[in-house]
């Protein structure tokens, strides 16, 4: 049988984790786009231009690289692949 008090607490924890993850992703995406924009301005890179032109579609090609030693120190967890 489900305990509503425990379920509500668990749902709140999950919701907070999801909100933190989405906020982190938004920050990473804004930073990535800014860095690529600056790179393109400095180099006129055709690859940077293509990424910026189709940024939303190109997102599937992005990976966050984190040393294993840092995984437990991140505010927002990432999956170890």
N, C-alpha and C. Protein backbone atom coordinates (compact mmCIF):
# COMPACT_ATOMS: atom_id res chain seq x y z
N UNK A 1 0.84 -1.18 0.00
CA UNK A 1 0.00 0.00 0.00
C UNK A 1 0.89 1.24 0.00
N UNK A 2 0.50 2.22 -0.77
CA UNK A 2 1.27 3.45 -0.86
C UNK A 2 0.97 4.37 0.32
N UNK A 3 1.99 4.93 0.87
CA UNK A 3 1.86 5.92 1.94
C UNK A 3 1.89 7.30 1.27
N UNK A 4 0.75 8.02 1.27
CA UNK A 4 0.69 9.33 0.58
C UNK A 4 1.76 10.31 1.05
N UNK A 5 2.08 10.28 2.35
CA UNK A 5 3.09 11.21 2.85
C UNK A 5 4.46 10.90 2.25
N UNK A 6 4.80 9.62 2.18
CA UNK A 6 6.09 9.24 1.60
C UNK A 6 6.09 9.48 0.10
N UNK A 7 4.98 9.22 -0.57
CA UNK A 7 4.90 9.44 -2.02
C UNK A 7 5.06 10.92 -2.34
N UNK A 8 4.38 11.78 -1.58
CA UNK A 8 4.49 13.21 -1.81
C UNK A 8 5.93 13.68 -1.63
N UNK A 9 6.59 13.15 -0.61
CA UNK A 9 7.98 13.52 -0.37
C UNK A 9 8.86 13.06 -1.53
N UNK A 10 8.63 11.82 -1.97
CA UNK A 10 9.43 11.29 -3.09
C UNK A 10 9.17 12.09 -4.36
N UNK A 11 7.92 12.40 -4.64
CA UNK A 11 7.58 13.18 -5.83
C UNK A 11 8.25 14.55 -5.75
N UNK A 12 8.26 15.15 -4.58
CA UNK A 12 8.90 16.46 -4.42
C UNK A 12 10.41 16.35 -4.67
N UNK A 13 11.04 15.28 -4.19
CA UNK A 13 12.47 15.09 -4.42
C UNK A 13 12.76 14.92 -5.91
N UNK A 14 11.95 14.11 -6.57
CA UNK A 14 12.14 13.87 -8.01
C UNK A 14 11.92 15.17 -8.78
N UNK A 15 10.88 15.91 -8.43
CA UNK A 15 10.59 17.18 -9.11
C UNK A 15 11.74 18.17 -8.91
N UNK A 16 12.30 18.22 -7.71
CA UNK A 16 13.42 19.12 -7.45
C UNK A 16 14.64 18.70 -8.26
N UNK A 17 14.89 17.39 -8.34
CA UNK A 17 16.03 16.90 -9.12
C UNK A 17 15.85 17.22 -10.60
N UNK A 18 14.65 17.03 -11.11
CA UNK A 18 14.38 17.33 -12.52
C UNK A 18 14.54 18.82 -12.78
N UNK A 19 14.04 19.66 -11.89
CA UNK A 19 14.15 21.11 -12.06
C UNK A 19 15.62 21.53 -12.06
N UNK A 20 16.41 20.96 -11.14
CA UNK A 20 17.83 21.29 -11.09
C UNK A 20 18.54 20.84 -12.36
N UNK A 21 18.18 19.65 -12.84
CA UNK A 21 18.80 19.13 -14.05
C UNK A 21 18.47 20.01 -15.26
N UNK A 22 17.22 20.41 -15.37
CA UNK A 22 16.82 21.27 -16.49
C UNK A 22 17.50 22.64 -16.42
N UNK A 23 17.63 23.19 -15.23
CA UNK A 23 18.31 24.47 -15.08
C UNK A 23 19.78 24.33 -15.48
N UNK A 24 20.39 23.24 -15.05
CA UNK A 24 21.79 22.98 -15.41
C UNK A 24 21.94 22.83 -16.92
N UNK A 25 21.04 22.08 -17.54
CA UNK A 25 21.10 21.89 -18.99
C UNK A 25 20.95 23.22 -19.71
N UNK A 26 20.05 24.07 -19.22
CA UNK A 26 19.87 25.38 -19.84
C UNK A 26 21.13 26.22 -19.77
N UNK A 27 21.81 26.16 -18.63
CA UNK A 27 23.06 26.90 -18.46
C UNK A 27 24.14 26.35 -19.39
N UNK A 28 24.24 25.04 -19.47
CA UNK A 28 25.23 24.41 -20.35
C UNK A 28 24.96 24.78 -21.80
N UNK A 29 23.70 24.75 -22.21
CA UNK A 29 23.35 25.08 -23.59
C UNK A 29 23.66 26.53 -23.92
N UNK A 30 23.30 27.44 -23.01
CA UNK A 30 23.59 28.86 -23.25
C UNK A 30 25.10 29.09 -23.35
N UNK A 31 25.86 28.45 -22.45
CA UNK A 31 27.31 28.58 -22.47
C UNK A 31 27.89 28.00 -23.75
N UNK A 32 27.41 26.84 -24.15
CA UNK A 32 27.90 26.21 -25.38
C UNK A 32 27.63 27.09 -26.59
N UNK A 33 26.41 27.58 -26.67
CA UNK A 33 26.06 28.43 -27.82
C UNK A 33 26.92 29.70 -27.83
N UNK A 34 27.14 30.29 -26.66
CA UNK A 34 27.97 31.50 -26.56
C UNK A 34 29.40 31.21 -27.01
N UNK A 35 29.96 30.11 -26.52
CA UNK A 35 31.34 29.76 -26.90
C UNK A 35 31.46 29.49 -28.40
N UNK A 36 30.49 28.81 -28.97
CA UNK A 36 30.53 28.53 -30.41
C UNK A 36 30.36 29.82 -31.20
N UNK A 37 29.50 30.71 -30.73
CA UNK A 37 29.31 32.00 -31.39
C UNK A 37 30.60 32.81 -31.36
N UNK A 38 31.26 32.83 -30.22
CA UNK A 38 32.53 33.56 -30.11
C UNK A 38 33.60 32.93 -31.02
N UNK A 39 33.63 31.60 -31.05
CA UNK A 39 34.58 30.91 -31.92
C UNK A 39 34.33 31.27 -33.38
N UNK A 40 33.05 31.26 -33.77
CA UNK A 40 32.72 31.59 -35.16
C UNK A 40 33.11 33.02 -35.50
N UNK A 41 32.86 33.93 -34.58
CA UNK A 41 33.22 35.34 -34.82
C UNK A 41 34.72 35.50 -35.00
N UNK A 42 35.49 34.73 -34.26
CA UNK A 42 36.95 34.85 -34.32
C UNK A 42 37.55 34.11 -35.51
N UNK A 43 36.90 33.03 -35.96
CA UNK A 43 37.54 32.17 -36.96
C UNK A 43 36.78 32.03 -38.27
N UNK A 44 35.51 32.44 -38.27
CA UNK A 44 34.63 32.23 -39.43
C UNK A 44 34.54 30.74 -39.79
N UNK A 45 34.60 29.88 -38.78
CA UNK A 45 34.57 28.44 -38.98
C UNK A 45 33.25 28.01 -39.63
N UNK A 46 33.32 27.29 -40.76
CA UNK A 46 32.10 26.78 -41.40
C UNK A 46 31.37 25.77 -40.51
N UNK A 47 32.12 24.99 -39.74
CA UNK A 47 31.49 24.03 -38.83
C UNK A 47 30.72 24.76 -37.74
N UNK A 48 31.33 25.78 -37.15
CA UNK A 48 30.63 26.56 -36.13
C UNK A 48 29.37 27.21 -36.71
N UNK A 49 29.48 27.71 -37.94
CA UNK A 49 28.32 28.32 -38.60
C UNK A 49 27.20 27.30 -38.76
N UNK A 50 27.55 26.09 -39.20
CA UNK A 50 26.54 25.04 -39.38
C UNK A 50 25.90 24.66 -38.05
N UNK A 51 26.71 24.53 -37.01
CA UNK A 51 26.17 24.17 -35.70
C UNK A 51 25.22 25.26 -35.21
N UNK A 52 25.60 26.50 -35.35
CA UNK A 52 24.75 27.60 -34.90
C UNK A 52 23.46 27.70 -35.72
N UNK A 53 23.56 27.45 -37.01
CA UNK A 53 22.39 27.53 -37.88
C UNK A 53 21.34 26.48 -37.49
N UNK A 54 21.80 25.28 -37.14
CA UNK A 54 20.89 24.18 -36.79
C UNK A 54 21.10 23.75 -35.34
N UNK A 55 21.28 24.74 -34.46
CA UNK A 55 21.68 24.45 -33.08
C UNK A 55 20.76 23.43 -32.40
N UNK A 56 19.46 23.62 -32.51
CA UNK A 56 18.53 22.70 -31.83
C UNK A 56 18.68 21.26 -32.33
N UNK A 57 18.89 21.11 -33.62
CA UNK A 57 19.10 19.76 -34.18
C UNK A 57 20.48 19.20 -33.83
N UNK A 58 21.46 20.07 -33.72
CA UNK A 58 22.83 19.64 -33.42
C UNK A 58 23.01 19.21 -31.96
N UNK A 59 22.07 19.55 -31.09
CA UNK A 59 22.21 19.23 -29.67
C UNK A 59 22.41 17.75 -29.41
N UNK A 60 21.84 16.90 -30.24
CA UNK A 60 22.00 15.45 -30.04
C UNK A 60 23.46 15.02 -30.20
N UNK A 61 24.27 15.86 -30.82
CA UNK A 61 25.69 15.54 -31.03
C UNK A 61 26.59 16.02 -29.89
N UNK A 62 26.03 16.75 -28.93
CA UNK A 62 26.80 17.26 -27.81
C UNK A 62 26.91 16.18 -26.74
N UNK A 63 28.06 16.14 -26.07
CA UNK A 63 28.29 15.23 -24.95
C UNK A 63 28.96 16.02 -23.84
N UNK A 64 28.55 15.74 -22.61
CA UNK A 64 29.22 16.35 -21.47
C UNK A 64 30.26 15.36 -20.97
N UNK A 65 31.50 15.77 -20.98
CA UNK A 65 32.60 14.91 -20.56
C UNK A 65 32.98 15.30 -19.14
N UNK A 66 32.93 14.32 -18.25
CA UNK A 66 33.25 14.56 -16.84
C UNK A 66 34.18 13.46 -16.35
N UNK A 67 35.30 13.82 -15.74
CA UNK A 67 36.17 12.77 -15.18
C UNK A 67 35.41 11.97 -14.12
N UNK A 68 35.62 10.67 -14.08
CA UNK A 68 34.92 9.81 -13.11
C UNK A 68 35.09 10.31 -11.68
N UNK A 69 36.26 10.86 -11.39
CA UNK A 69 36.52 11.34 -10.03
C UNK A 69 35.61 12.51 -9.64
N UNK A 70 35.02 13.17 -10.61
CA UNK A 70 34.19 14.33 -10.34
C UNK A 70 32.69 14.02 -10.29
N UNK A 71 32.29 12.83 -10.70
CA UNK A 71 30.86 12.51 -10.79
C UNK A 71 30.12 12.73 -9.48
N UNK A 72 30.72 12.34 -8.36
CA UNK A 72 30.03 12.48 -7.07
C UNK A 72 30.12 13.90 -6.51
N UNK A 73 30.82 14.80 -7.18
CA UNK A 73 30.98 16.18 -6.71
C UNK A 73 30.08 17.16 -7.46
N UNK A 74 29.40 16.70 -8.49
CA UNK A 74 28.55 17.58 -9.29
C UNK A 74 27.25 17.90 -8.55
N UNK A 75 26.77 19.14 -8.71
CA UNK A 75 25.49 19.50 -8.12
C UNK A 75 24.35 18.74 -8.78
N UNK A 76 24.46 18.55 -10.08
CA UNK A 76 23.45 17.82 -10.84
C UNK A 76 24.13 16.58 -11.41
N UNK A 77 23.56 15.42 -11.13
CA UNK A 77 24.22 14.20 -11.56
C UNK A 77 24.13 14.02 -13.09
N UNK A 78 25.12 13.37 -13.63
CA UNK A 78 25.12 12.99 -15.03
C UNK A 78 25.29 11.48 -15.07
N UNK A 79 24.84 10.87 -16.15
CA UNK A 79 24.97 9.43 -16.25
C UNK A 79 26.37 9.07 -16.68
N UNK A 80 26.89 8.03 -16.11
CA UNK A 80 28.23 7.55 -16.49
C UNK A 80 28.06 6.59 -17.64
N UNK A 81 28.54 6.98 -18.82
CA UNK A 81 28.43 6.11 -20.00
C UNK A 81 29.79 5.64 -20.41
